[in-house]
């Protein structure tokens, strides 16, 4: 009978050679691994990137092997043992009880809009607003919820919506004029991107026409994304509230308090880039951002593009205008509410023409438009120098 393969001399020789080769390969692999671990590209920060802290990731900005992640800005917020409720914060940080009331009512409206957005389909309503823009079902729903809030309120006297920019009295015994953009971002909501609501509140003592954004008693900006968060201006600064947080009894809990926007930034959001073809200063400003490796964060929605300045505590949003690319932003419905929040958080604003604060522009019409730069102070100053030609 034939000799079993395992016992043949040739088989035994081949087996010994195989073992030698495997041992040699094993030694080589260990040597390569040891060399790799000693290099920067495989430092502990790299191997632990999924679990590394945001600061660790940001500190590795010189390592090209890790791609572009070093240009991102991650949250540094840590979980707290407990969070204050909206009611508790308003009691401590809002002296005027009527302001507290209107804020509670407006956040209730934002909660209702949140629930509506979770179930409503994004379809054409079959109508258009006064600007000729086709209205979506969600636009109409959000606007109707805001009007319902105004009509039920005992402190709101006059309301005005961006969808129909005219002042309507809802309660003759009320005190405040409330102007809102019910759902900013209609052109991107069909992508399921973040959208928002902006609200400005003026007291009857200043009125509305002839007043300025600085006369607002408070303002509210809601961001509807994976979560719903809202920024509000209180007596001592800007606070963020989160809706429906898991494990929390209150509907709204305070997730950030007394937010500050740094004067320096490396995040830019350039709107109306068509104007760069007509405005040489804007083209140069965009070149400055790119040449100095700023991080682009722009979605085309005003609310998420400016809101990030409060979560990242830095950033600049620029929207200059030109004859071929005129102003689209509304002073009362968009620029003023956000301007109040940004300046209260230590940032700056520009009207895009004189270089003055957008909060000092007199409101002469409900549908007044404006150019805008808003965000970190040094970048707004740069905008003014390059576009408004202000020294």
Protein backbone atom coordinates (compact mmCIF):
# COMPACT_ATOMS: atom_id res chain seq x y z
CA UNK A 1 0.00 0.00 0.00
CA UNK A 2 1.14 3.60 -0.61
CA UNK A 3 2.93 5.35 2.22
CA UNK A 4 0.61 7.85 4.04
CA UNK A 5 1.28 11.43 2.99
CA UNK A 6 2.00 12.62 6.51
CA UNK A 7 4.76 10.11 6.93
CA UNK A 8 6.60 10.61 3.62
CA UNK A 9 10.09 12.20 3.82
CA UNK A 10 9.07 14.74 1.17
CA UNK A 11 5.98 15.67 3.15
CA UNK A 12 7.98 16.12 6.34
CA UNK A 13 10.49 18.37 4.56
CA UNK A 14 7.71 20.51 3.10
CA UNK A 15 6.11 20.76 6.53
CA UNK A 16 9.35 21.98 8.10
CA UNK A 17 9.78 24.58 5.35
CA UNK A 18 6.21 25.77 5.84
CA UNK A 19 6.76 26.20 9.58
CA UNK A 20 9.93 28.19 8.94
CA UNK A 21 8.13 30.45 6.48
CA UNK A 22 5.18 31.00 8.84
CA UNK A 23 7.56 31.84 11.68
CA UNK A 24 9.42 34.27 9.43
CA UNK A 25 6.15 35.91 8.30
CA UNK A 26 4.97 36.18 11.92
CA UNK A 27 8.23 37.90 12.90
CA UNK A 28 7.93 40.29 9.95
CA UNK A 29 4.33 41.23 10.80
CA UNK A 30 5.28 41.95 14.41
CA UNK A 31 8.16 44.13 13.27
CA UNK A 32 5.96 46.12 10.86
CA UNK A 33 3.28 46.57 13.55
CA UNK A 34 5.85 47.78 16.07
CA UNK A 35 7.19 50.29 13.54
CA UNK A 36 3.68 51.48 12.67
CA UNK A 37 2.73 52.01 16.30
CA UNK A 38 5.80 54.17 16.79
CA UNK A 39 4.69 56.60 14.05
CA UNK A 40 2.37 59.59 14.47
CA UNK A 41 -0.21 58.20 12.04
CA UNK A 42 -0.88 55.30 14.47
CA UNK A 43 -0.66 57.24 17.70
CA UNK A 44 -3.14 56.37 20.50
CA UNK A 45 -5.32 59.31 19.40
CA UNK A 46 -5.56 57.77 15.92
CA UNK A 47 -6.31 54.22 17.05
CA UNK A 48 -8.83 55.48 19.57
CA UNK A 49 -10.43 58.04 17.28
CA UNK A 50 -13.91 56.66 17.84
CA UNK A 51 -13.55 57.08 21.58
CA UNK A 52 -11.15 60.01 21.76
CA UNK A 53 -12.32 63.26 23.30
CA UNK A 54 -13.24 66.18 21.00
CA UNK A 55 -10.26 68.13 22.25
CA UNK A 56 -7.94 65.24 21.41
CA UNK A 57 -9.29 65.11 17.89
CA UNK A 58 -8.92 68.86 17.42
CA UNK A 59 -5.36 68.85 18.73
CA UNK A 60 -4.18 66.62 15.88
CA UNK A 61 -4.63 69.26 13.20
CA UNK A 62 -1.18 68.71 11.71
CA UNK A 63 -1.75 65.05 10.90
CA UNK A 64 -2.75 64.81 7.26
CA UNK A 65 -3.09 61.04 7.55
CA UNK A 66 -6.32 61.52 9.44
CA UNK A 67 -7.95 63.42 6.59
CA UNK A 68 -10.06 66.52 7.17
CA UNK A 69 -11.45 65.61 10.60
CA UNK A 70 -9.14 68.09 12.27
CA UNK A 71 -11.12 70.88 10.60
CA UNK A 72 -14.31 69.83 12.39
CA UNK A 73 -15.51 71.26 15.69
CA UNK A 74 -17.02 68.80 18.15
CA UNK A 75 -19.14 69.47 21.19
CA UNK A 76 -17.50 69.72 24.60
CA UNK A 77 -20.81 69.53 26.49
CA UNK A 78 -20.87 66.94 29.27
CA UNK A 79 -23.95 65.28 30.70
CA UNK A 80 -25.29 66.80 33.91
CA UNK A 81 -26.87 65.03 36.84
CA UNK A 82 -29.95 67.23 36.52
CA UNK A 83 -31.32 70.03 34.34
CA UNK A 84 -33.41 73.06 35.23
CA UNK A 85 -36.88 73.27 33.71
CA UNK A 86 -38.10 76.18 31.58
CA UNK A 87 -40.39 77.23 34.42
CA UNK A 88 -37.54 77.34 36.94
CA UNK A 89 -35.22 79.32 34.64
CA UNK A 90 -37.91 81.86 33.74
CA UNK A 91 -38.71 82.37 37.42
CA UNK A 92 -35.05 83.13 38.15
CA UNK A 93 -33.92 84.89 34.96
CA UNK A 94 -36.96 86.78 33.65
CA UNK A 95 -38.15 89.56 35.93
CA UNK A 96 -41.06 90.71 33.76
CA UNK A 97 -43.86 88.18 34.23
CA UNK A 98 -45.54 89.16 30.96
CA UNK A 99 -42.35 88.37 29.07
CA UNK A 100 -42.22 85.05 30.90
CA UNK A 101 -45.80 84.37 29.81
CA UNK A 102 -45.22 85.15 26.15
CA UNK A 103 -42.06 83.02 26.12
CA UNK A 104 -43.94 80.07 27.60
CA UNK A 105 -46.67 80.46 24.99
CA UNK A 106 -44.18 80.68 22.13
CA UNK A 107 -42.29 77.58 23.27
CA UNK A 108 -45.59 75.71 23.52
CA UNK A 109 -46.17 76.67 19.86
CA UNK A 110 -42.70 75.39 18.94
CA UNK A 111 -43.51 72.09 20.66
CA UNK A 112 -46.71 71.80 18.61
CA UNK A 113 -44.80 72.56 15.40
CA UNK A 114 -42.29 69.86 16.36
CA UNK A 115 -45.04 67.26 16.66
CA UNK A 116 -46.62 68.38 13.37
CA UNK A 117 -43.33 68.13 11.49
CA UNK A 118 -42.84 64.55 12.67
CA UNK A 119 -45.98 63.38 10.90
CA UNK A 120 -46.83 65.89 8.15
CA UNK A 121 -45.84 65.13 4.57
CA UNK A 122 -43.90 67.81 2.70
CA UNK A 123 -46.25 68.54 -0.18
CA UNK A 124 -47.38 71.59 -2.13
CA UNK A 125 -50.39 73.22 -0.49
CA UNK A 126 -51.77 74.70 -3.70
CA UNK A 127 -51.43 78.29 -2.49
CA UNK A 128 -48.73 80.96 -2.40
CA UNK A 129 -47.77 83.64 0.08
CA UNK A 130 -47.72 87.37 -0.62
CA UNK A 131 -44.24 87.08 -2.19
CA UNK A 132 -45.44 84.55 -4.74
CA UNK A 133 -43.58 81.69 -3.04
CA UNK A 134 -45.36 78.36 -3.32
CA UNK A 135 -46.49 77.32 0.15
CA UNK A 136 -45.91 73.83 1.48
CA UNK A 137 -48.32 72.02 3.77
CA UNK A 138 -45.84 72.32 6.64
CA UNK A 139 -45.57 76.10 6.08
CA UNK A 140 -49.31 76.48 6.44
CA UNK A 141 -49.46 74.20 9.50
CA UNK A 142 -46.66 76.06 11.31
CA UNK A 143 -48.16 79.44 10.49
CA UNK A 144 -51.61 78.40 11.68
CA UNK A 145 -50.18 77.13 14.97
CA UNK A 146 -48.49 80.49 15.54
CA UNK A 147 -51.72 82.36 14.83
CA UNK A 148 -53.62 80.09 17.22
CA UNK A 149 -51.07 80.88 19.92
CA UNK A 150 -51.49 84.62 19.37
CA UNK A 151 -55.28 84.48 19.42
CA UNK A 152 -55.33 82.53 22.70
CA UNK A 153 -52.75 84.75 24.38
CA UNK A 154 -53.73 87.47 26.85
CA UNK A 155 -50.41 89.33 26.46
CA UNK A 156 -50.03 89.38 22.66
CA UNK A 157 -51.80 92.34 21.08
CA UNK A 158 -50.65 92.28 17.44
CA UNK A 159 -49.24 89.54 15.25
CA UNK A 160 -47.50 89.49 11.88
CA UNK A 161 -46.30 86.52 9.85
CA UNK A 162 -43.70 86.46 7.11
CA UNK A 163 -46.26 84.51 5.10
CA UNK A 164 -48.61 87.53 5.23
CA UNK A 165 -46.56 90.58 6.28
CA UNK A 166 -49.26 92.78 7.72
CA UNK A 167 -50.04 93.69 11.32
CA UNK A 168 -53.20 92.09 12.72
CA UNK A 169 -54.68 92.87 16.11
CA UNK A 170 -55.60 89.71 17.99
CA UNK A 171 -56.27 91.07 21.49
CA UNK A 172 -56.96 94.73 22.18
CA UNK A 173 -55.97 94.29 25.82
CA UNK A 174 -52.64 92.68 24.95
CA UNK A 175 -49.20 94.23 25.26
CA UNK A 176 -46.83 92.81 22.66
CA UNK A 177 -46.37 92.85 18.90
CA UNK A 178 -45.04 89.47 17.80
CA UNK A 179 -43.49 88.93 14.34
CA UNK A 180 -42.49 85.50 13.12
CA UNK A 181 -41.17 83.41 10.29
CA UNK A 182 -43.16 80.22 10.97
CA UNK A 183 -40.89 77.79 9.11
CA UNK A 184 -37.64 79.07 7.67
CA UNK A 185 -36.06 76.62 5.24
CA UNK A 186 -38.93 75.58 2.99
CA UNK A 187 -36.53 74.94 0.10
CA UNK A 188 -34.53 72.38 2.10
CA UNK A 189 -37.16 70.70 4.27
CA UNK A 190 -38.02 68.18 1.56
CA UNK A 191 -34.47 66.85 2.06
CA UNK A 192 -35.35 66.38 5.74
CA UNK A 193 -32.73 68.97 6.69
CA UNK A 194 -32.94 71.15 9.78
CA UNK A 195 -35.37 74.09 9.60
CA UNK A 196 -36.59 76.59 12.16
CA UNK A 197 -38.91 79.26 13.52
CA UNK A 198 -37.83 82.84 14.33
CA UNK A 199 -39.83 85.24 16.50
CA UNK A 200 -39.28 88.85 17.57
CA UNK A 201 -41.28 90.48 20.38
CA UNK A 202 -41.81 94.26 20.71
CA UNK A 203 -43.52 96.05 23.60
CA UNK A 204 -46.39 98.50 23.09
CA UNK A 205 -44.21 101.21 24.69
CA UNK A 206 -41.99 101.33 21.57
CA UNK A 207 -44.51 100.13 19.06
CA UNK A 208 -43.32 98.33 15.93
CA UNK A 209 -43.17 100.65 12.93
CA UNK A 210 -40.49 103.21 13.78
CA UNK A 211 -38.87 100.92 16.34
CA UNK A 212 -35.62 98.98 15.90
CA UNK A 213 -34.48 95.45 16.56
CA UNK A 214 -32.81 96.71 19.70
CA UNK A 215 -36.25 97.57 21.08
CA UNK A 216 -37.25 93.91 21.23
CA UNK A 217 -38.02 92.71 24.76
CA UNK A 218 -37.00 89.19 23.79
CA UNK A 219 -36.64 86.91 20.79
CA UNK A 220 -36.96 83.19 20.13
CA UNK A 221 -35.30 80.95 17.54
CA UNK A 222 -36.30 77.28 17.33
CA UNK A 223 -34.29 74.65 15.45
CA UNK A 224 -36.10 71.50 14.30
CA UNK A 225 -33.59 68.76 13.55
CA UNK A 226 -33.00 65.34 15.12
CA UNK A 227 -33.88 67.23 18.32
CA UNK A 228 -35.84 70.43 18.86
CA UNK A 229 -33.87 73.14 20.61
CA UNK A 230 -34.76 76.78 21.21
CA UNK A 231 -32.69 79.88 21.95
CA UNK A 232 -34.26 82.66 23.99
CA UNK A 233 -33.02 86.02 25.28
CA UNK A 234 -33.44 86.42 29.05
CA UNK A 235 -32.39 89.15 31.49
CA UNK A 236 -28.76 88.04 31.77
CA UNK A 237 -28.07 86.44 28.42
CA UNK A 238 -28.99 83.69 25.98
CA UNK A 239 -30.27 80.31 27.07
CA UNK A 240 -30.96 77.13 25.11
CA UNK A 241 -33.83 74.77 25.90
CA UNK A 242 -34.32 71.23 24.60
CA UNK A 243 -37.75 69.72 24.02
CA UNK A 244 -38.76 66.23 25.11
CA UNK A 245 -35.35 65.13 26.40
CA UNK A 246 -35.31 61.46 27.38
CA UNK A 247 -35.47 60.81 31.10
CA UNK A 248 -36.59 64.34 31.95
CA UNK A 249 -39.95 65.13 33.53
CA UNK A 250 -40.25 68.66 32.14
CA UNK A 251 -41.18 69.20 28.48
CA UNK A 252 -38.44 71.82 28.16
CA UNK A 253 -35.12 71.60 29.99
CA UNK A 254 -32.28 74.13 29.96
CA UNK A 255 -29.45 72.55 27.95
CA UNK A 256 -27.15 75.61 27.74
CA UNK A 257 -27.04 78.79 29.77
CA UNK A 258 -25.51 82.23 29.26
CA UNK A 259 -23.99 81.21 25.93
CA UNK A 260 -21.03 83.23 24.67
CA UNK A 261 -19.81 83.59 21.07
CA UNK A 262 -16.04 83.97 20.74
CA UNK A 263 -14.69 87.06 18.92
CA UNK A 264 -12.50 84.78 16.78
CA UNK A 265 -13.71 81.99 14.58
CA UNK A 266 -12.76 79.48 11.89
CA UNK A 267 -16.27 78.56 10.70
CA UNK A 268 -17.90 80.47 7.85
CA UNK A 269 -21.35 80.35 6.24
CA UNK A 270 -21.38 82.34 2.97
CA UNK A 271 -24.88 83.09 1.68
CA UNK A 272 -25.81 84.80 -1.59
CA UNK A 273 -22.49 83.87 -3.19
CA UNK A 274 -23.81 85.16 -6.53
CA UNK A 275 -23.10 88.64 -5.17
CA UNK A 276 -19.37 87.83 -5.29
CA UNK A 277 -19.58 88.34 -9.07
CA UNK A 278 -20.62 91.95 -8.50
CA UNK A 279 -19.05 92.83 -5.14
CA UNK A 280 -15.26 92.62 -5.32
CA UNK A 281 -14.96 92.82 -1.54
CA UNK A 282 -17.10 89.70 -1.12
CA UNK A 283 -14.98 87.77 -3.58
CA UNK A 284 -11.87 88.76 -1.64
CA UNK A 285 -13.56 87.79 1.64
CA UNK A 286 -14.38 84.33 0.29
CA UNK A 287 -10.78 83.99 -0.88
CA UNK A 288 -9.63 84.93 2.63
CA UNK A 289 -11.77 82.17 4.16
CA UNK A 290 -10.40 79.56 1.76
CA UNK A 291 -6.77 80.65 1.83
CA UNK A 292 -6.79 80.60 5.62
CA UNK A 293 -8.47 77.21 5.73
CA UNK A 294 -11.69 78.16 7.48
CA UNK A 295 -14.26 75.37 7.83
CA UNK A 296 -17.32 75.72 5.57
CA UNK A 297 -20.60 75.00 7.32
CA UNK A 298 -23.52 76.15 5.17
CA UNK A 299 -26.87 74.42 4.56
CA UNK A 300 -28.89 77.20 2.92
CA UNK A 301 -31.15 77.49 5.96
CA UNK A 302 -30.71 80.68 8.00
CA UNK A 303 -31.67 79.04 11.29
CA UNK A 304 -29.17 76.12 11.28
CA UNK A 305 -26.46 78.26 9.66
CA UNK A 306 -26.57 80.91 12.40
CA UNK A 307 -27.69 78.65 15.25
CA UNK A 308 -24.38 76.78 15.07
CA UNK A 309 -22.66 79.90 16.38
CA UNK A 310 -24.27 79.18 19.76
CA UNK A 311 -23.41 75.48 19.85
CA UNK A 312 -19.86 75.89 18.49
CA UNK A 313 -19.50 79.27 20.24
CA UNK A 314 -18.03 80.77 17.09
CA UNK A 315 -18.82 81.40 13.43
CA UNK A 316 -19.81 84.02 10.89
CA UNK A 317 -22.76 84.18 8.51
CA UNK A 318 -22.40 86.64 5.62
CA UNK A 319 -25.17 87.72 3.27
CA UNK A 320 -24.17 90.84 1.33
CA UNK A 321 -26.25 92.14 -1.55
CA UNK A 322 -25.76 93.63 -5.01
CA UNK A 323 -28.03 95.08 -7.70
CA UNK A 324 -28.12 91.70 -9.43
CA UNK A 325 -28.54 89.81 -6.13
CA UNK A 326 -30.79 91.98 -3.93
CA UNK A 327 -31.57 91.49 -0.24
CA UNK A 328 -33.95 88.66 0.62
CA UNK A 329 -33.71 88.52 4.41
CA UNK A 330 -36.51 90.26 6.31
CA UNK A 331 -35.46 92.70 9.00
CA UNK A 332 -38.28 92.08 11.48
CA UNK A 333 -38.85 88.37 10.89
CA UNK A 334 -35.26 87.11 10.60
CA UNK A 335 -32.40 89.58 11.08
CA UNK A 336 -33.71 91.32 14.20
CA UNK A 337 -34.62 88.21 16.24
CA UNK A 338 -31.28 86.53 15.51
CA UNK A 339 -29.40 89.81 15.92
CA UNK A 340 -30.73 90.27 19.45
CA UNK A 341 -29.56 86.79 20.42
CA UNK A 342 -26.12 87.06 18.82
CA UNK A 343 -25.29 90.44 20.33
CA UNK A 344 -26.58 89.30 23.75
CA UNK A 345 -24.11 86.40 23.48
CA UNK A 346 -21.17 88.71 22.78
CA UNK A 347 -21.24 88.56 18.98
CA UNK A 348 -21.78 91.36 16.49
CA UNK A 349 -24.01 92.20 13.53
CA UNK A 350 -23.75 94.40 10.44
CA UNK A 351 -26.46 95.85 8.23
CA UNK A 352 -24.20 95.12 5.25
CA UNK A 353 -24.30 98.73 4.03
CA UNK A 354 -23.17 101.24 6.65
CA UNK A 355 -21.38 98.69 8.82
CA UNK A 356 -23.64 99.57 11.74
CA UNK A 357 -25.52 97.03 13.84
CA UNK A 358 -28.60 95.57 12.17
CA UNK A 359 -30.35 96.15 15.51
CA UNK A 360 -30.11 99.91 14.94
CA UNK A 361 -31.90 99.88 11.58
CA UNK A 362 -35.31 101.56 11.90
CA UNK A 363 -38.26 99.41 10.92
CA UNK A 364 -40.20 101.37 8.30
CA UNK A 365 -42.19 98.53 6.76
CA UNK A 366 -43.32 95.10 7.92
CA UNK A 367 -41.65 93.45 4.92
CA UNK A 368 -38.41 95.47 5.03
CA UNK A 369 -35.38 93.63 3.62
CA UNK A 370 -31.75 93.85 4.67
CA UNK A 371 -28.26 92.61 3.97
CA UNK A 372 -26.66 90.93 6.98
CA UNK A 373 -23.42 89.78 8.53
CA UNK A 374 -23.69 88.17 11.95
CA UNK A 375 -21.44 86.24 14.30
CA UNK A 376 -17.98 86.46 15.83
CA UNK A 377 -16.99 90.10 16.28
CA UNK A 378 -13.61 90.04 14.53
CA UNK A 379 -15.12 88.42 11.45
CA UNK A 380 -18.00 90.91 11.33
CA UNK A 381 -15.36 93.65 11.54
CA UNK A 382 -13.52 92.03 8.62
CA UNK A 383 -16.77 91.94 6.63
CA UNK A 384 -17.32 95.65 7.31
CA UNK A 385 -13.76 96.52 6.23
CA UNK A 386 -13.90 94.52 2.99
CA UNK A 387 -17.52 95.04 1.92
CA UNK A 388 -18.89 98.13 3.69
CA UNK A 389 -15.45 99.78 3.40
CA UNK A 390 -15.57 100.77 7.08
CA UNK A 391 -12.22 101.28 8.80
